[in-house]
Amino acid sequence: MPTIRELLTTYEKKALEVNKEESAIKLLMQFATDSEGYELIMRLDEKLTLVQEKFFTDNVTKYLENNIPIQHLIGHEIFFGHKFNVNENVLIPRFETEELVAKVLDLYDEHFDGKEVNVVDVGTGCGAIGITLAIEAPEMNVTITDISSLALDVARENAEKLGANVKTIESDMLDGIISQGLRFDILVSNPPYIPQEEKVESLVLDNEPHLALFGGSDGLYFYDLILRDAKQILNTPNIIAFEHAYHHREGMAHLIEKYFPDARYETVKDMQGRDRITYLINK
């Protein structure tokens, strides 16, 4: 029987040959062996049990040949150190979104300094942003929203599993919040921002909900809707923070100046040096 090292070498090479990620092969092996990354390094010369090897080879084939995301095969993604359930009804949370959460936590510390605040995560998907904020900052009373009832089901499962106290609302952008007369101090969102005609890799396009991917002809449609209506749900002072495509800096600036001309705003680069997060402060 091959060792862990041999299996990884074989299937990482196959992944490269079909333009798939080597890191996904390691993630699947970690799951098959119930190992953290550092533990797997120390076990490279071990051999798998028959059950482990069958699980690994069966699922690596589904990834490489059937184009199914590893996260769907193992049922979760790690986000901000927390394990979030994911499936075909929600977007798989990305590393860049962890940076949005970190920025919101920093802005909260800077502007609210430990005070109790109401926070809304618009278009929550699996709940990664809002649930993480609720866990990391108990002073935040978090509401998470989504237009998809199926996505909210996943988010509720994650909140219960992770012990996060969040409120859920099924809402088309801000409509459901406005109708309930709710008010918030912080609004955070990572809405769909891929332009409708932009080419998307098949692994994403074939497996993740299009409702969570595409943001109109220019990718800014949902930012426009949120900023247009945000004053109806925000207290003063308030913070609004978005994740967006790296080429949307100017578009975001235009929308902010249109709807919040007196706001202080800034665009922040992600760890790859790309414009990724824009936030605005209203006092």
Protein backbone atom coordinates (compact mmCIF):
# COMPACT_ATOMS: atom_id res chain seq x y z
CA MET A 1 0.00 0.00 0.00
CA PRO A 2 1.27 3.52 -0.80
CA THR A 3 2.26 5.96 1.92
CA ILE A 4 0.57 9.30 2.55
CA ARG A 5 3.53 10.98 0.86
CA GLU A 6 3.18 8.81 -2.24
CA LEU A 7 -0.55 9.38 -2.50
CA LEU A 8 -0.14 13.13 -2.12
CA THR A 9 2.61 13.24 -4.75
CA THR A 10 0.54 11.21 -7.21
CA TYR A 11 -2.68 13.16 -6.85
CA GLU A 12 -1.14 16.61 -6.52
CA LYS A 13 0.52 15.98 -9.88
CA LYS A 14 -2.83 14.90 -11.35
CA ALA A 15 -4.46 18.03 -9.93
CA LEU A 16 -1.93 20.25 -11.67
CA GLU A 17 -2.49 18.41 -14.93
CA VAL A 18 -6.20 19.31 -14.89
CA ASN A 19 -5.76 22.84 -13.46
CA LYS A 20 -7.02 21.96 -10.00
CA GLU A 21 -5.52 23.06 -6.68
CA GLU A 22 -2.83 21.00 -4.96
CA SER A 23 -3.99 22.41 -1.62
CA ALA A 24 -7.36 20.70 -2.11
CA ILE A 25 -5.62 17.31 -2.23
CA LYS A 26 -3.89 18.04 1.09
CA LEU A 27 -7.19 19.17 2.62
CA LEU A 28 -8.88 15.94 1.61
CA MET A 29 -5.99 13.91 3.02
CA GLN A 30 -6.21 15.83 6.29
CA PHE A 31 -9.90 14.95 6.50
CA ALA A 32 -9.30 11.30 5.58
CA THR A 33 -6.66 10.95 8.29
CA ASP A 34 -8.30 13.28 10.84
CA SER A 35 -5.11 15.35 10.93
CA GLU A 36 -4.24 19.01 11.16
CA GLY A 37 -1.78 20.31 8.59
CA TYR A 38 1.22 20.12 10.90
CA GLU A 39 0.25 16.58 11.98
CA LEU A 40 0.02 15.42 8.37
CA ILE A 41 3.61 16.53 7.77
CA MET A 42 4.78 14.25 10.56
CA ARG A 43 2.76 11.31 9.18
CA LEU A 44 3.92 11.40 5.55
CA ASP A 45 5.62 8.02 5.71
CA GLU A 46 2.62 6.27 7.27
CA LYS A 47 0.21 4.13 5.28
CA LEU A 48 -3.55 4.60 5.32
CA THR A 49 -6.02 1.98 6.45
CA LEU A 50 -8.08 0.39 3.69
CA VAL A 51 -11.08 2.49 4.71
CA GLN A 52 -9.07 5.72 4.73
CA GLU A 53 -7.48 4.99 1.35
CA LYS A 54 -10.82 4.16 -0.25
CA PHE A 55 -12.37 7.36 1.12
CA PHE A 56 -9.44 9.42 -0.13
CA THR A 57 -9.22 7.91 -3.62
CA ASP A 58 -13.00 7.88 -4.15
CA ASN A 59 -13.33 11.54 -3.21
CA VAL A 60 -10.21 12.77 -4.93
CA THR A 61 -11.66 11.27 -8.11
CA LYS A 62 -14.90 13.18 -7.55
CA TYR A 63 -12.84 16.36 -7.23
CA LEU A 64 -10.55 15.79 -10.20
CA GLU A 65 -12.93 14.10 -12.62
CA ASN A 66 -16.45 15.09 -11.53
CA ASN A 67 -15.54 18.70 -10.64
CA ILE A 68 -17.01 18.62 -7.13
CA PRO A 69 -15.41 21.03 -4.62
CA ILE A 70 -13.46 19.44 -1.80
CA GLN A 71 -15.47 21.51 0.69
CA HIS A 72 -18.66 19.88 -0.55
CA LEU A 73 -17.09 16.43 -0.29
CA ILE A 74 -16.03 16.93 3.32
CA GLY A 75 -19.00 19.18 4.17
CA HIS A 76 -17.22 22.18 5.65
CA GLU A 77 -14.75 25.02 5.28
CA ILE A 78 -12.58 26.53 8.02
CA PHE A 79 -13.19 30.28 8.38
CA PHE A 80 -11.49 32.43 11.01
CA GLY A 81 -10.64 29.20 12.84
CA HIS A 82 -14.26 28.02 12.92
CA LYS A 83 -15.68 25.06 10.99
CA PHE A 84 -18.64 26.13 8.84
CA ASN A 85 -20.92 23.63 7.15
CA VAL A 86 -21.24 24.30 3.41
CA ASN A 87 -23.19 22.74 0.57
CA GLU A 88 -24.50 23.58 -2.89
CA ASN A 89 -26.89 26.20 -1.44
CA VAL A 90 -24.20 28.57 -0.15
CA LEU A 91 -21.03 30.19 -1.36
CA ILE A 92 -17.87 28.59 0.03
CA PRO A 93 -16.29 31.31 2.20
CA ARG A 94 -12.97 32.62 0.91
CA PHE A 95 -9.83 33.73 2.71
CA GLU A 96 -10.32 37.33 1.58
CA THR A 97 -13.56 37.47 3.54
CA GLU A 98 -11.65 36.71 6.74
CA GLU A 99 -9.89 40.02 6.12
CA LEU A 100 -13.27 41.77 5.95
CA VAL A 101 -14.22 40.31 9.34
CA ALA A 102 -10.89 41.37 10.82
CA LYS A 103 -11.38 44.91 9.48
CA VAL A 104 -14.87 45.17 10.96
CA LEU A 105 -13.54 44.05 14.34
CA ASP A 106 -10.83 46.72 14.15
CA LEU A 107 -13.35 49.41 13.17
CA TYR A 108 -15.63 48.36 16.01
CA ASP A 109 -12.78 48.70 18.52
CA GLU A 110 -11.82 52.09 17.11
CA HIS A 111 -15.27 53.65 16.92
CA PHE A 112 -17.43 51.84 19.49
CA ASP A 113 -14.79 50.73 22.02
CA GLY A 114 -16.57 47.85 23.73
CA LYS A 115 -20.09 49.30 23.58
CA GLU A 116 -23.05 47.09 22.74
CA VAL A 117 -23.97 47.51 19.08
CA ASN A 118 -26.44 46.08 16.57
CA VAL A 119 -24.82 44.53 13.50
CA VAL A 120 -26.38 43.22 10.30
CA ASP A 121 -24.69 40.89 7.81
CA VAL A 122 -26.56 41.29 4.52
CA GLY A 123 -26.50 38.27 2.19
CA THR A 124 -24.95 35.99 4.79
CA GLY A 125 -24.84 32.66 2.89
CA CYS A 126 -23.48 30.08 5.31
CA GLY A 127 -23.26 32.78 7.99
CA ALA A 128 -19.48 33.06 8.01
CA ILE A 129 -19.26 36.83 8.50
CA GLY A 130 -22.08 37.44 10.95
CA ILE A 131 -21.57 34.31 13.03
CA THR A 132 -17.84 34.95 13.31
CA LEU A 133 -18.47 38.52 14.45
CA ALA A 134 -20.93 37.26 17.07
CA ILE A 135 -18.36 34.78 18.37
CA GLU A 136 -15.38 37.14 18.33
CA ALA A 137 -17.21 40.17 19.74
CA PRO A 138 -20.01 39.24 22.18
CA GLU A 139 -20.92 42.93 22.44
CA MET A 140 -22.33 42.68 18.93
CA ASN A 141 -26.01 41.82 18.60
CA VAL A 142 -25.87 40.23 15.16
CA THR A 143 -28.63 39.76 12.61
CA ILE A 144 -27.88 37.76 9.45
CA THR A 145 -30.00 37.96 6.32
CA ASP A 146 -30.33 36.20 3.00
CA ILE A 147 -32.87 36.02 0.20
CA SER A 148 -32.41 32.23 0.11
CA SER A 149 -34.26 30.19 2.72
CA LEU A 150 -31.96 27.25 1.92
CA ALA A 151 -28.89 29.38 2.68
CA LEU A 152 -30.44 30.54 5.94
CA ASP A 153 -31.02 26.91 6.91
CA VAL A 154 -27.28 26.31 6.57
CA ALA A 155 -26.50 29.49 8.49
CA ARG A 156 -28.82 28.48 11.33
CA GLU A 157 -27.12 25.07 11.54
CA ASN A 158 -23.75 26.79 11.75
CA ALA A 159 -24.91 29.23 14.42
CA GLU A 160 -26.27 26.40 16.55
CA LYS A 161 -23.19 24.25 16.05
CA LEU A 162 -20.80 27.10 16.90
CA GLY A 163 -22.88 28.44 19.78
CA ALA A 164 -23.44 31.85 18.20
CA ASN A 165 -26.47 33.89 19.24
CA VAL A 166 -27.67 35.47 16.00
CA LYS A 167 -31.05 36.49 14.62
CA THR A 168 -31.96 35.42 11.08
CA ILE A 169 -34.18 37.23 8.59
CA GLU A 170 -35.13 36.12 5.10
CA SER A 171 -34.73 39.33 3.14
CA ASP A 172 -34.10 40.56 -0.40
CA MET A 173 -31.20 42.91 0.36
CA LEU A 174 -32.60 45.41 2.92
CA ASP A 175 -36.33 45.02 2.17
CA GLY A 176 -37.10 42.59 4.98
CA ILE A 177 -35.15 44.67 7.48
CA ILE A 178 -36.85 47.93 6.51
CA SER A 179 -40.29 46.32 6.78
CA GLN A 180 -39.55 45.35 10.40
CA GLY A 181 -38.29 48.81 11.35
CA LEU A 182 -34.96 47.49 12.62
CA ARG A 183 -31.94 49.77 13.16
CA PHE A 184 -28.24 48.95 13.19
CA ASP A 185 -24.90 50.51 14.04
CA ILE A 186 -22.80 48.38 11.68
CA LEU A 187 -23.73 46.99 8.28
CA VAL A 188 -21.39 44.47 6.68
CA SER A 189 -21.86 42.66 3.40
CA ASN A 190 -20.10 40.55 0.82
CA PRO A 191 -22.81 40.63 -1.85
CA PRO A 192 -22.60 38.97 -5.28
CA TYR A 193 -20.09 40.98 -7.32
CA ILE A 194 -19.12 39.05 -10.44
CA PRO A 195 -20.32 40.84 -13.62
CA GLN A 196 -23.00 38.80 -15.36
CA GLU A 197 -20.97 38.10 -18.50
CA GLU A 198 -17.62 37.44 -16.78
CA LYS A 199 -16.14 33.98 -17.27
CA VAL A 200 -16.06 31.94 -14.07
CA GLU A 201 -14.08 28.74 -13.51
CA SER A 202 -16.25 25.65 -13.88
CA LEU A 203 -15.59 24.37 -10.34
CA VAL A 204 -17.32 27.50 -9.02
CA LEU A 205 -19.91 27.95 -11.76
CA ASP A 206 -21.09 24.32 -11.65
CA ASN A 207 -21.32 23.99 -7.88
CA GLU A 208 -22.00 27.29 -6.14
CA PRO A 209 -25.34 29.18 -6.25
CA HIS A 210 -25.44 31.72 -9.08
CA LEU A 211 -27.62 33.88 -6.84
CA ALA A 212 -24.54 34.39 -4.64
CA LEU A 213 -22.11 35.00 -7.50
CA PHE A 214 -23.41 37.47 -10.06
CA GLY A 215 -23.96 41.16 -9.39
CA GLY A 216 -25.51 42.59 -12.53
CA SER A 217 -23.86 43.85 -15.69
CA ASP A 218 -20.99 45.59 -13.88
CA GLY A 219 -20.92 43.68 -10.60
CA LEU A 220 -22.06 46.72 -8.59
CA TYR A 221 -25.83 46.20 -8.68
CA PHE A 222 -26.24 45.01 -5.08
CA TYR A 223 -23.89 47.64 -3.64
CA ASP A 224 -26.10 50.27 -5.25
CA LEU A 225 -29.22 48.75 -3.70
CA ILE A 226 -27.69 48.50 -0.23
CA LEU A 227 -26.24 52.01 -0.20
CA ARG A 228 -29.44 53.46 -1.66
CA ASP A 229 -31.53 52.10 1.22
CA ALA A 230 -28.99 51.94 4.06
CA LYS A 231 -30.03 55.19 5.76
CA GLN A 232 -33.42 53.63 6.50
CA ILE A 233 -31.87 51.01 8.79
CA LEU A 234 -28.81 52.75 10.27
CA ASN A 235 -28.32 54.63 13.50
CA THR A 236 -25.88 57.54 13.77
CA PRO A 237 -22.93 57.09 14.00
CA ASN A 238 -22.58 54.00 11.84
CA ILE A 239 -20.11 51.88 9.90
CA ILE A 240 -20.69 50.21 6.54
CA ALA A 241 -18.11 47.69 5.28
CA PHE A 242 -18.04 45.75 2.02
CA GLU A 243 -15.94 43.15 0.29
CA HIS A 244 -15.83 43.71 -3.47
CA ALA A 245 -13.94 42.81 -6.65
CA TYR A 246 -10.43 44.25 -6.89
CA HIS A 247 -11.36 46.44 -9.86
CA HIS A 248 -14.35 48.06 -8.13
CA ARG A 249 -12.50 50.76 -6.18
CA GLU A 250 -13.67 53.62 -8.39
CA GLY A 251 -17.17 52.23 -8.74
CA MET A 252 -17.52 51.95 -4.97
CA ALA A 253 -16.26 55.52 -4.54
CA HIS A 254 -18.85 56.76 -7.02
CA LEU A 255 -21.70 55.00 -5.19
CA ILE A 256 -20.58 56.23 -1.77
CA GLU A 257 -20.31 59.82 -2.97
CA LYS A 258 -23.75 59.48 -4.54
CA TYR A 259 -25.56 58.21 -1.45
CA PHE A 260 -23.28 59.27 1.44
CA PRO A 261 -21.49 62.43 0.24
CA ASP A 262 -20.40 63.42 3.76
CA ALA A 263 -19.01 60.03 4.77
CA ARG A 264 -15.35 59.29 5.39
CA TYR A 265 -14.42 56.24 3.38
CA GLU A 266 -11.37 54.17 2.51
CA THR A 267 -10.52 51.20 0.31
CA VAL A 268 -8.16 48.62 1.83
CA LYS A 269 -5.97 46.17 -0.05
CA ASP A 270 -6.06 42.45 0.71
CA MET A 271 -2.99 40.33 1.44
CA GLN A 272 -2.42 39.93 -2.30
CA GLY A 273 -2.19 43.71 -2.65
CA ARG A 274 -5.55 44.05 -4.41
CA ASP A 275 -8.29 46.55 -3.55
CA ARG A 276 -10.77 44.34 -1.74
CA ILE A 277 -12.51 46.07 1.18
CA THR A 278 -14.20 49.46 1.25
CA TYR A 279 -15.64 50.91 4.43
CA LEU A 280 -17.34 54.17 5.28
CA ILE A 281 -17.88 55.98 8.55
CA ASN A 282 -20.92 58.19 9.10
CA LYS A 283 -20.98 60.41 12.18
